[in-house]
Amino acid sequence: MIPVPYPGPANEPPLFQESCREPGNAWLVAKPDIDPHKQCAWWREFQPALAEHFEHRCGWLACNIGLEGDVDHWIACDVDRTLSFEWSNYRYCAGTVNSRKSANDKFLDPCEVGEGWFRVSLPDFQLLPTDKIPGEYADRVTAILDDLQLRKGFYARWNRWSWYARHWNNGQPNLAGLYKDAPLVAEAVKEALAKGEELPDPTAEEPAQAVSARKNKWAPRTRKTKPSPPAKQREDLADPVDETPTAGSEGPAAPA
């Protein structure tokens, strides 16, 4: 994670007031029991502007995700509906990360992050906290590293590695491009070069996904069946035989 300016009045996109906040707040009053996501088209219209504010990087991954990110509500709609259509409550977030978020009070807001709070390690591309993080943020930092799987989760490491691979340039990394797409990876590369350390070859160091074995093996589903009734009861339940001749049938033979 890297510092990101708070969304606010100074960077609010044009027409947000008329096209999102005002109609959204009126809708909240008219539909007090309906999930605001039913009108998500109003805030999604400003997703490109939010992406630009975050320089097209996920606020938590700090990697370029283009226009593929979500408009995340920092304060969830079911926690405070009144912030559903507020620009200041929006964060730009990769969909995979967004799906892992729950109660916001236990996570670190990307707009609270200070300079140098995190670094990326090579060659494993893990996200690590630094000693620059104030002590009062310790629990929230742990939450984003573990619960959002930003430390060593495959998705997070693969994103860092993929930008590193794109700017590898046969061992002469394009630091300018890497700073734009994955700033923390660029800092790690710059530091390694300054120390004369060998850089990892992306063609041989691709992150591997660790798949752990299930503790309980799959078992066929057992279907509950009703016990069969006794023989006498089965006879009582049987359909009676209809011996009435049908039309066109000969019926029983006449006596001789």
Protein backbone atom coordinates (compact mmCIF):
# COMPACT_ATOMS: atom_id res chain seq x y z
CA MET A 1 0.00 0.00 0.00
CA ILE A 2 1.10 3.54 -0.78
CA PRO A 3 -0.27 6.97 0.18
CA VAL A 4 -3.39 8.03 -1.73
CA PRO A 5 -5.10 11.43 -1.33
CA TYR A 6 -8.58 11.31 0.18
CA PRO A 7 -11.42 11.71 -2.32
CA GLY A 8 -13.00 15.04 -1.44
CA PRO A 9 -14.53 18.26 -2.74
CA ALA A 10 -11.26 19.36 -4.33
CA ASN A 11 -11.10 16.30 -6.59
CA GLU A 12 -14.80 15.48 -6.95
CA PRO A 13 -15.59 14.91 -10.65
CA PRO A 14 -17.86 17.31 -12.53
CA LEU A 15 -21.59 16.52 -12.46
CA PHE A 16 -21.21 14.16 -9.48
CA GLN A 17 -23.55 16.33 -7.42
CA GLU A 18 -26.27 16.41 -10.10
CA SER A 19 -25.87 12.87 -11.44
CA CYS A 20 -25.12 10.83 -8.32
CA ARG A 21 -25.39 12.52 -4.93
CA GLU A 22 -28.67 14.38 -5.36
CA PRO A 23 -30.68 11.65 -7.13
CA GLY A 24 -29.08 9.03 -4.90
CA ASN A 25 -30.02 10.75 -1.67
CA ALA A 26 -33.56 11.33 -2.94
CA TRP A 27 -33.80 7.64 -3.80
CA LEU A 28 -32.62 6.68 -0.29
CA VAL A 29 -35.46 8.69 1.20
CA ALA A 30 -38.03 7.19 -1.16
CA LYS A 31 -36.72 3.62 -0.77
CA PRO A 32 -35.63 3.29 2.88
CA ASP A 33 -35.75 -0.51 2.87
CA ILE A 34 -34.06 -1.21 -0.48
CA ASP A 35 -30.38 -2.05 -0.89
CA PRO A 36 -28.60 1.00 -2.44
CA HIS A 37 -26.76 -1.38 -4.77
CA LYS A 38 -30.01 -1.48 -6.76
CA GLN A 39 -28.97 1.98 -7.99
CA CYS A 40 -25.26 1.22 -8.36
CA ALA A 41 -25.33 2.50 -11.95
CA TRP A 42 -25.27 6.04 -10.55
CA TRP A 43 -21.92 5.60 -8.79
CA ARG A 44 -20.48 3.25 -11.40
CA GLU A 45 -20.79 6.07 -13.91
CA PHE A 46 -17.94 7.74 -12.01
CA GLN A 47 -15.73 4.64 -11.80
CA PRO A 48 -13.30 5.99 -14.45
CA ALA A 49 -12.90 9.22 -12.46
CA LEU A 50 -12.22 7.23 -9.27
CA ALA A 51 -9.69 5.06 -11.13
CA GLU A 52 -7.93 8.20 -12.33
CA HIS A 53 -7.85 9.60 -8.80
CA PHE A 54 -6.11 6.39 -7.65
CA GLU A 55 -3.86 6.51 -10.75
CA HIS A 56 -5.56 3.30 -11.90
CA ARG A 57 -4.01 1.39 -8.99
CA CYS A 58 -5.94 -0.68 -6.45
CA GLY A 59 -5.80 1.15 -3.13
CA TRP A 60 -4.72 -2.02 -1.31
CA LEU A 61 -2.61 -3.82 -3.92
CA ALA A 62 -0.88 -0.61 -5.04
CA CYS A 63 -0.71 -2.15 -8.53
CA ASN A 64 -2.19 -0.94 -11.80
CA ILE A 65 -5.54 -2.61 -12.53
CA GLY A 66 -6.62 -0.29 -15.33
CA LEU A 67 -10.38 0.15 -15.45
CA GLU A 68 -11.07 -3.33 -14.06
CA GLY A 69 -11.51 -2.19 -10.45
CA ASP A 70 -14.62 -1.77 -8.30
CA VAL A 71 -16.06 1.32 -6.67
CA ASP A 72 -15.65 0.20 -3.07
CA HIS A 73 -17.63 1.85 -0.28
CA TRP A 74 -15.18 2.41 2.55
CA ILE A 75 -18.13 2.63 4.95
CA ALA A 76 -20.38 -0.16 3.69
CA CYS A 77 -23.89 0.67 2.54
CA ASP A 78 -25.44 -1.62 5.15
CA VAL A 79 -23.47 0.21 7.87
CA ASP A 80 -24.37 3.78 6.83
CA ARG A 81 -26.77 4.16 3.91
CA THR A 82 -26.33 7.93 3.88
CA LEU A 83 -22.79 7.52 2.49
CA SER A 84 -23.85 5.32 -0.44
CA PHE A 85 -23.69 8.18 -2.94
CA GLU A 86 -20.84 10.18 -1.40
CA TRP A 87 -17.62 10.66 -3.37
CA SER A 88 -15.54 10.84 -0.18
CA ASN A 89 -16.63 7.30 0.74
CA TYR A 90 -15.33 5.67 -2.45
CA ARG A 91 -12.08 3.71 -2.81
CA TYR A 92 -10.74 2.06 -5.97
CA CYS A 93 -10.28 -1.63 -5.39
CA ALA A 94 -9.53 -4.84 -7.29
CA GLY A 95 -12.59 -7.10 -7.36
CA THR A 96 -10.77 -10.00 -5.71
CA VAL A 97 -9.67 -7.80 -2.82
CA ASN A 98 -13.11 -6.19 -2.54
CA SER A 99 -14.76 -9.60 -2.17
CA ARG A 100 -12.57 -10.32 0.87
CA LYS A 101 -13.44 -7.13 2.71
CA SER A 102 -15.94 -7.18 5.54
CA ALA A 103 -16.25 -4.75 8.46
CA ASN A 104 -14.20 -1.70 7.51
CA ASP A 105 -13.26 -0.78 11.05
CA LYS A 106 -10.70 -3.58 11.22
CA PHE A 107 -8.93 -2.75 7.95
CA LEU A 108 -6.48 -0.02 7.06
CA ASP A 109 -7.84 2.69 4.79
CA PRO A 110 -5.45 3.24 1.85
CA CYS A 111 -6.00 6.98 2.30
CA GLU A 112 -4.50 6.72 5.81
CA VAL A 113 -1.24 5.11 4.69
CA GLY A 114 1.95 7.09 5.21
CA GLU A 115 5.06 7.20 3.09
CA GLY A 116 7.31 4.15 3.54
CA TRP A 117 4.88 2.11 5.64
CA PHE A 118 5.25 -0.97 3.41
CA ARG A 119 7.86 -2.57 1.21
CA VAL A 120 8.05 -5.50 -1.21
CA SER A 121 10.63 -8.23 -0.71
CA LEU A 122 12.49 -9.94 -3.55
CA PRO A 123 12.44 -12.56 -4.97
CA ASP A 124 9.19 -13.68 -3.29
CA PHE A 125 7.23 -10.42 -3.93
CA GLN A 126 5.69 -10.38 -0.46
CA LEU A 127 4.29 -7.19 1.07
CA LEU A 128 5.97 -6.43 4.40
CA PRO A 129 5.30 -3.71 7.01
CA THR A 130 8.12 -1.39 8.06
CA ASP A 131 8.99 0.18 11.38
CA LYS A 132 7.56 3.50 10.14
CA ILE A 133 4.00 2.37 10.89
CA PRO A 134 2.66 3.99 14.08
CA GLY A 135 1.77 1.51 16.82
CA GLU A 136 -1.95 2.39 16.85
CA TYR A 137 -2.27 0.96 13.33
CA ALA A 138 -0.75 -2.44 14.16
CA ASP A 139 -4.02 -4.43 14.33
CA ARG A 140 -5.40 -2.96 11.12
CA VAL A 141 -2.13 -3.60 9.30
CA THR A 142 -2.25 -7.25 10.39
CA ALA A 143 -5.83 -7.48 9.14
CA ILE A 144 -5.05 -6.24 5.64
CA LEU A 145 -1.93 -8.41 5.38
CA ASP A 146 -3.65 -11.60 6.53
CA ASP A 147 -7.40 -11.27 5.91
CA LEU A 148 -7.01 -9.53 2.55
CA GLN A 149 -4.05 -11.83 1.78
CA LEU A 150 -1.84 -8.93 0.75
CA ARG A 151 1.31 -10.28 2.39
CA LYS A 152 1.85 -13.55 0.56
CA GLY A 153 -1.46 -14.39 -1.08
CA PHE A 154 -1.05 -15.74 -4.58
CA TYR A 155 -3.22 -13.08 -6.23
CA ALA A 156 -1.30 -10.20 -4.63
CA ARG A 157 2.15 -11.69 -5.31
CA TRP A 158 1.22 -12.57 -8.88
CA ASN A 159 0.12 -8.98 -9.58
CA ARG A 160 3.45 -7.61 -8.30
CA TRP A 161 5.43 -10.22 -10.18
CA SER A 162 3.48 -9.70 -13.43
CA TRP A 163 4.32 -5.98 -13.53
CA TYR A 164 7.93 -6.79 -12.70
CA ALA A 165 7.99 -9.27 -15.59
CA ARG A 166 6.49 -6.74 -18.00
CA HIS A 167 9.18 -4.18 -17.17
CA TRP A 168 12.01 -6.74 -16.88
CA ASN A 169 13.55 -5.61 -20.19
CA ASN A 170 16.07 -8.49 -20.31
CA GLY A 171 17.64 -7.58 -17.00
CA GLN A 172 17.53 -3.80 -17.52
CA PRO A 173 14.25 -2.95 -15.74
CA ASN A 174 12.25 0.02 -16.94
CA LEU A 175 12.00 1.72 -13.54
CA ALA A 176 9.94 4.66 -14.81
CA GLY A 177 7.23 2.33 -16.09
CA LEU A 178 7.45 0.11 -13.03
CA TYR A 179 7.01 3.11 -10.69
CA LYS A 180 3.79 3.91 -12.51
CA ASP A 181 2.37 0.38 -12.42
CA ALA A 182 3.77 -1.08 -9.19
CA PRO A 183 5.61 1.57 -7.14
CA LEU A 184 6.61 -0.68 -4.24
CA VAL A 185 8.10 -3.25 -6.61
CA ALA A 186 10.03 -0.45 -8.30
CA GLU A 187 11.40 0.66 -4.92
CA ALA A 188 12.52 -2.91 -4.19
CA VAL A 189 14.26 -3.17 -7.57
CA LYS A 190 15.94 0.21 -7.13
CA GLU A 191 17.23 -0.80 -3.70
CA ALA A 192 18.53 -4.13 -5.00
CA LEU A 193 20.36 -2.42 -7.86
CA ALA A 194 21.92 0.08 -5.45
CA LYS A 195 23.24 -2.78 -3.34
CA GLY A 196 24.55 -4.65 -6.38
CA GLU A 197 22.21 -7.59 -5.72
CA GLU A 198 21.15 -9.91 -8.51
CA LEU A 199 17.59 -9.40 -9.63
CA PRO A 200 15.25 -12.39 -9.90
CA ASP A 201 14.66 -13.65 -13.42
CA PRO A 202 10.89 -13.49 -13.94
CA THR A 203 11.02 -16.38 -16.40
CA ALA A 204 12.27 -18.63 -13.61
CA GLU A 205 10.76 -17.01 -10.52
CA GLU A 206 7.03 -17.00 -11.27
CA PRO A 207 5.05 -17.23 -8.00
CA ALA A 208 3.53 -20.62 -7.37
CA GLN A 209 0.08 -21.10 -5.92
CA ALA A 210 0.15 -23.22 -2.78
CA VAL A 211 -2.80 -25.61 -2.63
CA SER A 212 -3.26 -27.40 0.68
CA ALA A 213 -4.85 -30.82 0.93
CA ARG A 214 -8.36 -30.99 2.28
CA LYS A 215 -8.61 -32.39 5.78
CA ASN A 216 -11.88 -34.20 5.04
CA LYS A 217 -12.15 -36.16 1.84
CA TRP A 218 -15.28 -35.90 -0.21
CA ALA A 219 -17.84 -38.63 0.49
CA PRO A 220 -20.89 -39.58 -1.58
CA ARG A 221 -24.10 -38.06 -0.36
CA THR A 222 -26.31 -40.52 1.46
CA ARG A 223 -29.96 -40.15 0.55
CA LYS A 224 -32.47 -40.76 3.31
CA THR A 225 -35.18 -43.23 2.29
CA LYS A 226 -38.48 -43.91 3.99
CA PRO A 227 -38.90 -47.48 5.32
CA SER A 228 -41.18 -49.71 3.26
CA PRO A 229 -44.65 -50.33 4.81
CA PRO A 230 -45.57 -53.88 5.97
CA ALA A 231 -46.97 -56.31 3.39
CA LYS A 232 -50.55 -55.95 4.67
CA GLN A 233 -50.34 -52.17 4.46
CA ARG A 234 -48.94 -52.38 0.94
CA GLU A 235 -52.00 -54.42 -0.12
CA ASP A 236 -54.33 -51.83 1.43
CA LEU A 237 -52.55 -49.05 -0.38
CA ALA A 238 -52.61 -50.78 -3.75
CA ASP A 239 -54.96 -49.29 -6.38
CA PRO A 240 -58.15 -51.36 -6.82
CA VAL A 241 -58.47 -53.20 -10.11
CA ASP A 242 -61.18 -51.73 -12.34
CA GLU A 243 -62.98 -54.68 -13.99
CA THR A 244 -65.58 -52.53 -15.83
CA PRO A 245 -65.43 -53.34 -19.57
CA THR A 246 -64.22 -50.47 -21.64
CA ALA A 247 -66.00 -49.33 -24.80
CA GLY A 248 -65.38 -51.74 -27.64
CA SER A 249 -64.28 -54.60 -25.43
CA GLU A 250 -66.03 -57.99 -25.73
CA GLY A 251 -66.56 -58.46 -21.99
CA PRO A 252 -67.01 -61.90 -20.38
CA ALA A 253 -68.16 -64.79 -22.59
CA ALA A 254 -71.91 -65.73 -22.46
CA PRO A 255 -72.74 -69.08 -20.86
CA ALA A 256 -73.37 -71.92 -23.33
